[in-house]
Each structure stands twice: as C-alpha cells, then as structure tokens.
Amino acid sequence: MDSERITVTYRELRGLMQDLKHIGAHNVTSGRPRGLTGKRHLQQLVEAYEPFREDGVLPASYEVVYGHAWSPLNKHSAAGGNEVLLTDLEQ
C-alpha cells in the first residue's frame, strides 16, 4: 500500500465545485436534503471555506491510495505461489 496527498488550488469556490461535479463526487448521506441548494446555503459554504484561502487561492486536497496484491494461481505451490508452471495454467 502507498498513498500520496495532492493539493489543487482554485481562485474561486465555484471552480472547485464544478470539478467535483465533473468527477462524479456527490453527497451520499442518507439524511441529506433532496432538493436544490439555495443561495443562502451556498453563501454559507463560501463563508465557511474562505478562511482556508492562502496566497489568494483555495486549496482542495485529495488522498490517493495505491494498493497492489498478488494471488497465486496454484495455492499448493512449494515456491510460495510466485512461480507459475505451464501445467498450472492448463488445470
């Protein structure tokens, strides 16, 4: 397993919100309101995010987690499953 943190910056919150929408991110909380977000709520979101502004831009951090695993084809292999014999593939 490995991971890295990527921080992307935006001049305006609207750009961040558009990017989130384009990647398919959405709120899946079961108790969330189902209607459209009103102007008042959006203004509250802008006001809550503004304190994070640094050097004129708003940061958005993503953590990317990489995982890699192996599974032996022949679980009874004496070599620990790292070597695959042609006979293993024919079974």
PDB file of N, CA and C in Angstrom:
ATOM      1  N   MET A   1       0.847  -1.176   0.000  1.00  0.00           N
ATOM      2  CA  MET A   1       0.000   0.000   0.000  1.00  0.00           C
ATOM      3  C   MET A   1       0.886   1.230   0.000  1.00  0.00           C
ATOM      4  N   ASP A   2       0.424   2.235  -0.687  1.00  0.00           N
ATOM      5  CA  ASP A   2       1.121   3.509  -0.720  1.00  0.00           C
ATOM      6  C   ASP A   2       0.060   4.580  -0.905  1.00  0.00           C
ATOM      7  N   SER A   3       0.382   5.784  -0.518  1.00  0.00           N
ATOM      8  CA  SER A   3      -0.566   6.873  -0.702  1.00  0.00           C
ATOM      9  C   SER A   3       0.177   8.170  -0.933  1.00  0.00           C
ATOM     10  N   GLU A   4      -0.522   9.105  -1.528  1.00  0.00           N
ATOM     11  CA  GLU A   4       0.032  10.438  -1.705  1.00  0.00           C
ATOM     12  C   GLU A   4      -1.101  11.447  -1.576  1.00  0.00           C
ATOM     13  N   ARG A   5      -0.748  12.627  -1.110  1.00  0.00           N
ATOM     14  CA  ARG A   5      -1.722  13.702  -0.969  1.00  0.00           C
ATOM     15  C   ARG A   5      -1.446  14.717  -2.065  1.00  0.00           C
ATOM     16  N   ILE A   6      -2.490  15.045  -2.798  1.00  0.00           N
ATOM     17  CA  ILE A   6      -2.399  16.016  -3.886  1.00  0.00           C
ATOM     18  C   ILE A   6      -3.255  17.210  -3.511  1.00  0.00           C
ATOM     19  N   THR A   7      -2.695  18.397  -3.616  1.00  0.00           N
ATOM     20  CA  THR A   7      -3.453  19.614  -3.332  1.00  0.00           C
ATOM     21  C   THR A   7      -3.575  20.425  -4.613  1.00  0.00           C
ATOM     22  N   VAL A   8      -4.806  20.719  -4.976  1.00  0.00           N
ATOM     23  CA  VAL A   8      -5.119  21.525  -6.151  1.00  0.00           C
ATOM     24  C   VAL A   8      -5.673  22.844  -5.618  1.00  0.00           C
ATOM     25  N   THR A   9      -5.373  23.953  -6.292  1.00  0.00           N
ATOM     26  CA  THR A   9      -5.855  25.251  -5.812  1.00  0.00           C
ATOM     27  C   THR A   9      -6.800  25.888  -6.822  1.00  0.00           C
ATOM     28  N   TYR A  10      -7.697  26.687  -6.290  1.00  0.00           N
ATOM     29  CA  TYR A  10      -8.722  27.360  -7.091  1.00  0.00           C
ATOM     30  C   TYR A  10      -8.811  28.820  -6.667  1.00  0.00           C
ATOM     31  N   ARG A  11      -9.054  29.684  -7.653  1.00  0.00           N
ATOM     32  CA  ARG A  11      -9.256  31.100  -7.321  1.00  0.00           C
ATOM     33  C   ARG A  11     -10.624  31.315  -6.682  1.00  0.00           C
ATOM     34  N   GLU A  12     -11.607  30.542  -7.146  1.00  0.00           N
ATOM     35  CA  GLU A  12     -12.978  30.673  -6.636  1.00  0.00           C
ATOM     36  C   GLU A  12     -13.535  29.305  -6.282  1.00  0.00           C
ATOM     37  N   LEU A  13     -14.410  29.273  -5.287  1.00  0.00           N
ATOM     38  CA  LEU A  13     -15.032  28.022  -4.848  1.00  0.00           C
ATOM     39  C   LEU A  13     -15.863  27.398  -5.959  1.00  0.00           C
ATOM     40  N   ARG A  14     -16.418  28.220  -6.823  1.00  0.00           N
ATOM     41  CA  ARG A  14     -17.244  27.708  -7.920  1.00  0.00           C
ATOM     42  C   ARG A  14     -16.446  26.730  -8.805  1.00  0.00           C
ATOM     43  N   GLY A  15     -15.192  27.041  -9.096  1.00  0.00           N
ATOM     44  CA  GLY A  15     -14.353  26.151  -9.900  1.00  0.00           C
ATOM     45  C   GLY A  15     -14.145  24.807  -9.235  1.00  0.00           C
ATOM     46  N   LEU A  16     -13.909  24.824  -7.918  1.00  0.00           N
ATOM     47  CA  LEU A  16     -13.768  23.578  -7.160  1.00  0.00           C
ATOM     48  C   LEU A  16     -15.055  22.763  -7.235  1.00  0.00           C
ATOM     49  N   MET A  17     -16.172  23.411  -7.035  1.00  0.00           N
ATOM     50  CA  MET A  17     -17.452  22.704  -7.052  1.00  0.00           C
ATOM     51  C   MET A  17     -17.745  22.112  -8.432  1.00  0.00           C
ATOM     52  N   GLN A  18     -17.374  22.821  -9.499  1.00  0.00           N
ATOM     53  CA  GLN A  18     -17.572  22.297 -10.850  1.00  0.00           C
ATOM     54  C   GLN A  18     -16.691  21.069 -11.085  1.00  0.00           C
ATOM     55  N   ASP A  19     -15.436  21.127 -10.632  1.00  0.00           N
ATOM     56  CA  ASP A  19     -14.551  19.966 -10.783  1.00  0.00           C
ATOM     57  C   ASP A  19     -15.071  18.761 -10.015  1.00  0.00           C
ATOM     58  N   LEU A  20     -15.567  18.979  -8.807  1.00  0.00           N
ATOM     59  CA  LEU A  20     -16.134  17.878  -8.023  1.00  0.00           C
ATOM     60  C   LEU A  20     -17.317  17.248  -8.745  1.00  0.00           C
ATOM     61  N   LYS A  21     -18.140  18.086  -9.346  1.00  0.00           N
ATOM     62  CA  LYS A  21     -19.294  17.577 -10.089  1.00  0.00           C
ATOM     63  C   LYS A  21     -18.838  16.762 -11.300  1.00  0.00           C
ATOM     64  N   HIS A  22     -17.801  17.239 -11.999  1.00  0.00           N
ATOM     65  CA  HIS A  22     -17.322  16.553 -13.196  1.00  0.00           C
ATOM     66  C   HIS A  22     -16.699  15.189 -12.892  1.00  0.00           C
ATOM     67  N   ILE A  23     -16.127  15.020 -11.702  1.00  0.00           N
ATOM     68  CA  ILE A  23     -15.554  13.712 -11.362  1.00  0.00           C
ATOM     69  C   ILE A  23     -16.596  12.783 -10.735  1.00  0.00           C
ATOM     70  N   GLY A  24     -17.811  13.272 -10.564  1.00  0.00           N
ATOM     71  CA  GLY A  24     -18.886  12.426 -10.055  1.00  0.00           C
ATOM     72  C   GLY A  24     -19.017  12.407  -8.543  1.00  0.00           C
ATOM     73  N   ALA A  25     -18.324  13.310  -7.870  1.00  0.00           N
ATOM     74  CA  ALA A  25     -18.429  13.364  -6.408  1.00  0.00           C
ATOM     75  C   ALA A  25     -19.789  13.943  -6.026  1.00  0.00           C
ATOM     76  N   HIS A  26     -20.420  13.309  -5.061  1.00  0.00           N
ATOM     77  CA  HIS A  26     -21.702  13.817  -4.582  1.00  0.00           C
ATOM     78  C   HIS A  26     -21.950  13.330  -3.160  1.00  0.00           C
ATOM     79  N   ASN A  27     -22.912  13.934  -2.530  1.00  0.00           N
ATOM     80  CA  ASN A  27     -23.248  13.627  -1.141  1.00  0.00           C
ATOM     81  C   ASN A  27     -24.154  12.395  -1.113  1.00  0.00           C
ATOM     82  N   VAL A  28     -23.691  11.337  -0.448  1.00  0.00           N
ATOM     83  CA  VAL A  28     -24.486  10.116  -0.366  1.00  0.00           C
ATOM     84  C   VAL A  28     -25.076   9.899   1.028  1.00  0.00           C
ATOM     85  N   THR A  29     -25.018  10.935   1.862  1.00  0.00           N
ATOM     86  CA  THR A  29     -25.572  10.835   3.209  1.00  0.00           C
ATOM     87  C   THR A  29     -27.068  10.552   3.121  1.00  0.00           C
ATOM     88  N   SER A  30     -27.548   9.568   3.858  1.00  0.00           N
ATOM     89  CA  SER A  30     -28.946   9.157   3.753  1.00  0.00           C
ATOM     90  C   SER A  30     -29.921  10.245   4.191  1.00  0.00           C
ATOM     91  N   GLY A  31     -29.563  11.080   5.154  1.00  0.00           N
ATOM     92  CA  GLY A  31     -30.492  12.089   5.645  1.00  0.00           C
ATOM     93  C   GLY A  31     -30.366  13.442   4.979  1.00  0.00           C
ATOM     94  N   ARG A  32     -29.622  13.530   3.876  1.00  0.00           N
ATOM     95  CA  ARG A  32     -29.393  14.823   3.243  1.00  0.00           C
ATOM     96  C   ARG A  32     -30.664  15.329   2.568  1.00  0.00           C
ATOM     97  N   PRO A  33     -30.781  16.655   2.446  1.00  0.00           N
ATOM     98  CA  PRO A  33     -31.930  17.213   1.723  1.00  0.00           C
ATOM     99  C   PRO A  33     -31.871  16.806   0.243  1.00  0.00           C
ATOM    100  N   ARG A  34     -32.987  16.504  -0.348  1.00  0.00           N
ATOM    101  CA  ARG A  34     -33.030  16.048  -1.740  1.00  0.00           C
ATOM    102  C   ARG A  34     -33.233  17.199  -2.724  1.00  0.00           C
ATOM    103  N   GLY A  35     -33.573  18.369  -2.249  1.00  0.00           N
ATOM    104  CA  GLY A  35     -33.837  19.498  -3.137  1.00  0.00           C
ATOM    105  C   GLY A  35     -32.567  20.209  -3.565  1.00  0.00           C
ATOM    106  N   LEU A  36     -32.738  21.236  -4.379  1.00  0.00           N
ATOM    107  CA  LEU A  36     -31.610  22.044  -4.827  1.00  0.00           C
ATOM    108  C   LEU A  36     -31.075  22.876  -3.670  1.00  0.00           C
ATOM    109  N   THR A  37     -29.790  23.182  -3.736  1.00  0.00           N
ATOM    110  CA  THR A  37     -29.171  24.012  -2.706  1.00  0.00           C
ATOM    111  C   THR A  37     -29.509  25.472  -2.993  1.00  0.00           C
ATOM    112  N   GLY A  38     -30.004  26.168  -1.994  1.00  0.00           N
ATOM    113  CA  GLY A  38     -30.399  27.561  -2.170  1.00  0.00           C
ATOM    114  C   GLY A  38     -29.222  28.517  -2.089  1.00  0.00           C
ATOM    115  N   LYS A  39     -29.475  29.781  -2.472  1.00  0.00           N
ATOM    116  CA  LYS A  39     -28.433  30.811  -2.466  1.00  0.00           C
ATOM    117  C   LYS A  39     -27.870  31.041  -1.070  1.00  0.00           C
ATOM    118  N   ARG A  40     -28.713  31.007  -0.068  1.00  0.00           N
ATOM    119  CA  ARG A  40     -28.270  31.235   1.310  1.00  0.00           C
ATOM    120  C   ARG A  40     -27.289  30.145   1.744  1.00  0.00           C
ATOM    121  N   HIS A  41     -27.621  28.911   1.445  1.00  0.00           N
ATOM    122  CA  HIS A  41     -26.759  27.794   1.818  1.00  0.00           C
ATOM    123  C   HIS A  41     -25.412  27.868   1.079  1.00  0.00           C
ATOM    124  N   LEU A  42     -25.454  28.219  -0.210  1.00  0.00           N
ATOM    125  CA  LEU A  42     -24.214  28.365  -0.968  1.00  0.00           C
ATOM    126  C   LEU A  42     -23.352  29.487  -0.407  1.00  0.00           C
ATOM    127  N   GLN A  43     -23.987  30.583   0.012  1.00  0.00           N
ATOM    128  CA  GLN A  43     -23.231  31.694   0.606  1.00  0.00           C
ATOM    129  C   GLN A  43     -22.589  31.261   1.925  1.00  0.00           C
ATOM    130  N   GLN A  44     -23.289  30.462   2.703  1.00  0.00           N
ATOM    131  CA  GLN A  44     -22.711  29.936   3.948  1.00  0.00           C
ATOM    132  C   GLN A  44     -21.514  29.038   3.653  1.00  0.00           C
ATOM    133  N   LEU A  45     -21.595  28.267   2.587  1.00  0.00           N
ATOM    134  CA  LEU A  45     -20.486  27.404   2.180  1.00  0.00           C
ATOM    135  C   LEU A  45     -19.260  28.247   1.793  1.00  0.00           C
ATOM    136  N   VAL A  46     -19.486  29.297   1.025  1.00  0.00           N
ATOM    137  CA  VAL A  46     -18.396  30.198   0.631  1.00  0.00           C
ATOM    138  C   VAL A  46     -17.763  30.825   1.870  1.00  0.00           C
ATOM    139  N   GLU A  47     -18.565  31.284   2.790  1.00  0.00           N
ATOM    140  CA  GLU A  47     -18.060  31.926   4.011  1.00  0.00           C
ATOM    141  C   GLU A  47     -17.276  30.933   4.884  1.00  0.00           C
ATOM    142  N   ALA A  48     -17.695  29.687   4.905  1.00  0.00           N
ATOM    143  CA  ALA A  48     -17.003  28.676   5.711  1.00  0.00           C
ATOM    144  C   ALA A  48     -15.677  28.261   5.070  1.00  0.00           C
ATOM    145  N   TYR A  49     -15.590  28.315   3.749  1.00  0.00           N
ATOM    146  CA  TYR A  49     -14.384  27.868   3.055  1.00  0.00           C
ATOM    147  C   TYR A  49     -13.332  28.971   2.944  1.00  0.00           C
ATOM    148  N   GLU A  50     -13.747  30.214   2.938  1.00  0.00           N
ATOM    149  CA  GLU A  50     -12.825  31.348   2.754  1.00  0.00           C
ATOM    150  C   GLU A  50     -11.673  31.402   3.760  1.00  0.00           C
ATOM    151  N   PRO A  51     -11.842  31.035   5.024  1.00  0.00           N
ATOM    152  CA  PRO A  51     -10.696  31.075   5.945  1.00  0.00           C
ATOM    153  C   PRO A  51      -9.527  30.170   5.539  1.00  0.00           C
ATOM    154  N   PHE A  52      -9.754  29.234   4.631  1.00  0.00           N
ATOM    155  CA  PHE A  52      -8.695  28.342   4.171  1.00  0.00           C
ATOM    156  C   PHE A  52      -7.876  28.949   3.027  1.00  0.00           C
ATOM    157  N   ARG A  53      -8.296  30.095   2.528  1.00  0.00           N
ATOM    158  CA  ARG A  53      -7.601  30.749   1.414  1.00  0.00           C
ATOM    159  C   ARG A  53      -6.190  31.135   1.843  1.00  0.00           C
ATOM    160  N   GLU A  54      -5.206  30.771   1.011  1.00  0.00           N
ATOM    161  CA  GLU A  54      -3.807  31.128   1.247  1.00  0.00           C
ATOM    162  C   GLU A  54      -3.217  31.634  -0.060  1.00  0.00           C
ATOM    163  N   ASP A  55      -2.513  32.722   0.004  1.00  0.00           N
ATOM    164  CA  ASP A  55      -1.883  33.312  -1.180  1.00  0.00           C
ATOM    165  C   ASP A  55      -2.871  33.517  -2.316  1.00  0.00           C
ATOM    166  N   GLY A  56      -4.090  33.879  -1.973  1.00  0.00           N
ATOM    167  CA  GLY A  56      -5.110  34.193  -2.970  1.00  0.00           C
ATOM    168  C   GLY A  56      -5.834  33.012  -3.590  1.00  0.00           C
ATOM    169  N   VAL A  57      -5.562  31.789  -3.122  1.00  0.00           N
ATOM    170  CA  VAL A  57      -6.234  30.620  -3.701  1.00  0.00           C
ATOM    171  C   VAL A  57      -6.813  29.718  -2.609  1.00  0.00           C
ATOM    172  N   LEU A  58      -7.804  28.943  -2.989  1.00  0.00           N
ATOM    173  CA  LEU A  58      -8.439  27.988  -2.084  1.00  0.00           C
ATOM    174  C   LEU A  58      -7.885  26.596  -2.363  1.00  0.00           C
ATOM    175  N   PRO A  59      -7.419  25.891  -1.336  1.00  0.00           N
ATOM    176  CA  PRO A  59      -6.873  24.552  -1.551  1.00  0.00           C
ATOM    177  C   PRO A  59      -7.951  23.471  -1.486  1.00  0.00           C
ATOM    178  N   ALA A  60      -7.733  22.422  -2.258  1.00  0.00           N
ATOM    179  CA  ALA A  60      -8.558  21.214  -2.165  1.00  0.00           C
ATOM    180  C   ALA A  60      -7.583  20.042  -2.179  1.00  0.00           C
ATOM    181  N   SER A  61      -7.593  19.242  -1.122  1.00  0.00           N
ATOM    182  CA  SER A  61      -6.651  18.126  -1.005  1.00  0.00           C
ATOM    183  C   SER A  61      -7.345  16.804  -1.263  1.00  0.00           C
ATOM    184  N   TYR A  62      -6.643  15.948  -1.986  1.00  0.00           N
ATOM    185  CA  TYR A  62      -7.121  14.605  -2.283  1.00  0.00           C
ATOM    186  C   TYR A  62      -6.070  13.623  -1.801  1.00  0.00           C
ATOM    187  N   GLU A  63      -6.499  12.530  -1.221  1.00  0.00           N
ATOM    188  CA  GLU A  63      -5.571  11.475  -0.859  1.00  0.00           C
ATOM    189  C   GLU A  63      -5.803  10.307  -1.818  1.00  0.00           C
ATOM    190  N   VAL A  64      -4.757   9.941  -2.531  1.00  0.00           N
ATOM    191  CA  VAL A  64      -4.825   8.838  -3.474  1.00  0.00           C
ATOM    192  C   VAL A  64      -4.119   7.651  -2.823  1.00  0.00           C
ATOM    193  N   VAL A  65      -4.824   6.526  -2.733  1.00  0.00           N
ATOM    194  CA  VAL A  65      -4.268   5.330  -2.109  1.00  0.00           C
ATOM    195  C   VAL A  65      -4.065   4.280  -3.199  1.00  0.00           C
ATOM    196  N   TYR A  66      -2.837   3.767  -3.263  1.00  0.00           N
ATOM    197  CA  TYR A  66      -2.486   2.745  -4.236  1.00  0.00           C
ATOM    198  C   TYR A  66      -2.336   1.412  -3.515  1.00  0.00           C
ATOM    199  N   GLY A  67      -2.903   0.383  -4.069  1.00  0.00           N
ATOM    200  CA  GLY A  67      -2.747  -0.947  -3.498  1.00  0.00           C
ATOM    201  C   GLY A  67      -2.392  -1.931  -4.596  1.00  0.00           C
ATOM    202  N   HIS A  68      -1.548  -2.864  -4.264  1.00  0.00           N
ATOM    203  CA  HIS A  68      -1.133  -3.872  -5.237  1.00  0.00           C
ATOM    204  C   HIS A  68      -1.031  -5.200  -4.492  1.00  0.00           C
ATOM    205  N   ALA A  69      -1.595  -6.220  -5.073  1.00  0.00           N
ATOM    206  CA  ALA A  69      -1.562  -7.525  -4.412  1.00  0.00           C
ATOM    207  C   ALA A  69      -1.393  -8.627  -5.441  1.00  0.00           C
ATOM    208  N   TRP A  70      -0.879  -9.752  -5.001  1.00  0.00           N
ATOM    209  CA  TRP A  70      -0.703 -10.919  -5.840  1.00  0.00           C
ATOM    210  C   TRP A  70      -1.497 -12.067  -5.232  1.00  0.00           C
ATOM    211  N   SER A  71      -2.003 -12.900  -6.099  1.00  0.00           N
ATOM    212  CA  SER A  71      -2.684 -14.109  -5.654  1.00  0.00           C
ATOM    213  C   SER A  71      -2.109 -15.267  -6.464  1.00  0.00           C
ATOM    214  N   PRO A  72      -1.603 -16.270  -5.797  1.00  0.00           N
ATOM    215  CA  PRO A  72      -1.024 -17.393  -6.540  1.00  0.00           C
ATOM    216  C   PRO A  72      -2.107 -18.175  -7.278  1.00  0.00           C
ATOM    217  N   LEU A  73      -1.778 -18.609  -8.499  1.00  0.00           N
ATOM    218  CA  LEU A  73      -2.720 -19.442  -9.255  1.00  0.00           C
ATOM    219  C   LEU A  73      -2.806 -20.829  -8.654  1.00  0.00           C
ATOM    220  N   ASN A  74      -1.663 -21.341  -8.175  1.00  0.00           N
ATOM    221  CA  ASN A  74      -1.610 -22.666  -7.568  1.00  0.00           C
ATOM    222  C   ASN A  74      -1.313 -22.471  -6.086  1.00  0.00           C
ATOM    223  N   LYS A  75      -2.303 -22.561  -5.261  1.00  0.00           N
ATOM    224  CA  LYS A  75      -2.138 -22.284  -3.829  1.00  0.00           C
ATOM    225  C   LYS A  75      -1.321 -23.352  -3.113  1.00  0.00           C
ATOM    226  N   HIS A  76      -1.070 -24.453  -3.778  1.00  0.00           N
ATOM    227  CA  HIS A  76      -0.296 -25.525  -3.165  1.00  0.00           C
ATOM    228  C   HIS A  76       1.156 -25.505  -3.616  1.00  0.00           C
ATOM    229  N   SER A  77       1.572 -24.477  -4.299  1.00  0.00           N
ATOM    230  CA  SER A  77       2.937 -24.386  -4.834  1.00  0.00           C
ATOM    231  C   SER A  77       3.950 -24.298  -3.702  1.00  0.00           C
ATOM    232  N   ALA A  78       5.026 -25.059  -3.805  1.00  0.00           N
ATOM    233  CA  ALA A  78       6.089 -25.031  -2.794  1.00  0.00           C
ATOM    234  C   ALA A  78       6.871 -23.736  -2.864  1.00  0.00           C
ATOM    235  N   ALA A  79       6.832 -23.042  -4.006  1.00  0.00           N
ATOM    236  CA  ALA A  79       7.587 -21.797  -4.185  1.00  0.00           C
ATOM    237  C   ALA A  79       6.840 -20.603  -3.604  1.00  0.00           C
ATOM    238  N   GLY A  80       5.768 -20.855  -2.918  1.00  0.00           N
ATOM    239  CA  GLY A  80       5.018 -19.759  -2.313  1.00  0.00           C
ATOM    240  C   GLY A  80       4.095 -19.045  -3.282  1.00  0.00           C
ATOM    241  N   GLY A  81       3.893 -19.640  -4.459  1.00  0.00           N
ATOM    242  CA  GLY A  81       2.961 -19.051  -5.410  1.00  0.00           C
ATOM    243  C   GLY A  81       3.559 -17.992  -6.299  1.00  0.00           C
ATOM    244  N   ASN A  82       4.845 -17.710  -6.180  1.00  0.00           N
ATOM    245  CA  ASN A  82       5.453 -16.674  -7.005  1.00  0.00           C
ATOM    246  C   ASN A  82       5.822 -17.189  -8.391  1.00  0.00           C
ATOM    247  N   GLU A  83       5.952 -18.472  -8.569  1.00  0.00           N
ATOM    248  CA  GLU A  83       6.275 -19.047  -9.869  1.00  0.00           C
ATOM    249  C   GLU A  83       5.068 -19.808 -10.380  1.00  0.00           C
ATOM    250  N   VAL A  84       4.797 -19.656 -11.671  1.00  0.00           N
ATOM    251  CA  VAL A  84       3.659 -20.343 -12.287  1.00  0.00           C
ATOM    252  C   VAL A  84       4.209 -21.273 -13.338  1.00  0.00           C
ATOM    253  N   LEU A  85       3.903 -22.542 -13.222  1.00  0.00           N
ATOM    254  CA  LEU A  85       4.334 -23.534 -14.197  1.00  0.00           C
ATOM    255  C   LEU A  85       3.289 -23.657 -15.284  1.00  0.00           C
ATOM    256  N   LEU A  86       3.708 -24.064 -16.478  1.00  0.00           N
ATOM    257  CA  LEU A  86       2.796 -24.241 -17.575  1.00  0.00           C
ATOM    258  C   LEU A  86       1.684 -25.216 -17.206  1.00  0.00           C
ATOM    259  N   THR A  87       2.009 -26.242 -16.433  1.00  0.00           N
ATOM    260  CA  THR A  87       0.987 -27.214 -16.023  1.00  0.00           C
ATOM    261  C   THR A  87      -0.061 -26.554 -15.126  1.00  0.00           C
ATOM    262  N   ASP A  88       0.340 -25.525 -14.368  1.00  0.00           N
ATOM    263  CA  ASP A  88      -0.622 -24.821 -13.524  1.00  0.00           C
ATOM    264  C   ASP A  88      -1.671 -24.095 -14.377  1.00  0.00           C
ATOM    265  N   LEU A  89      -1.259 -23.574 -15.505  1.00  0.00           N
ATOM    266  CA  LEU A  89      -2.172 -22.842 -16.366  1.00  0.00           C
ATOM    267  C   LEU A  89      -3.119 -23.769 -17.105  1.00  0.00           C
ATOM    268  N   GLU A  90      -2.705 -25.022 -17.330  1.00  0.00           N
ATOM    269  CA  GLU A  90      -3.545 -25.981 -18.061  1.00  0.00           C
ATOM    270  C   GLU A  90      -4.638 -26.555 -17.181  1.00  0.00           C
ATOM    271  N   GLN A  91      -4.539 -26.463 -15.881  1.00  0.00           N
ATOM    272  CA  GLN A  91      -5.511 -27.071 -14.973  1.00  0.00           C
ATOM    273  C   GLN A  91      -6.820 -26.393 -14.996  1.00  0.00           C
TER     274      GLN A  91
END
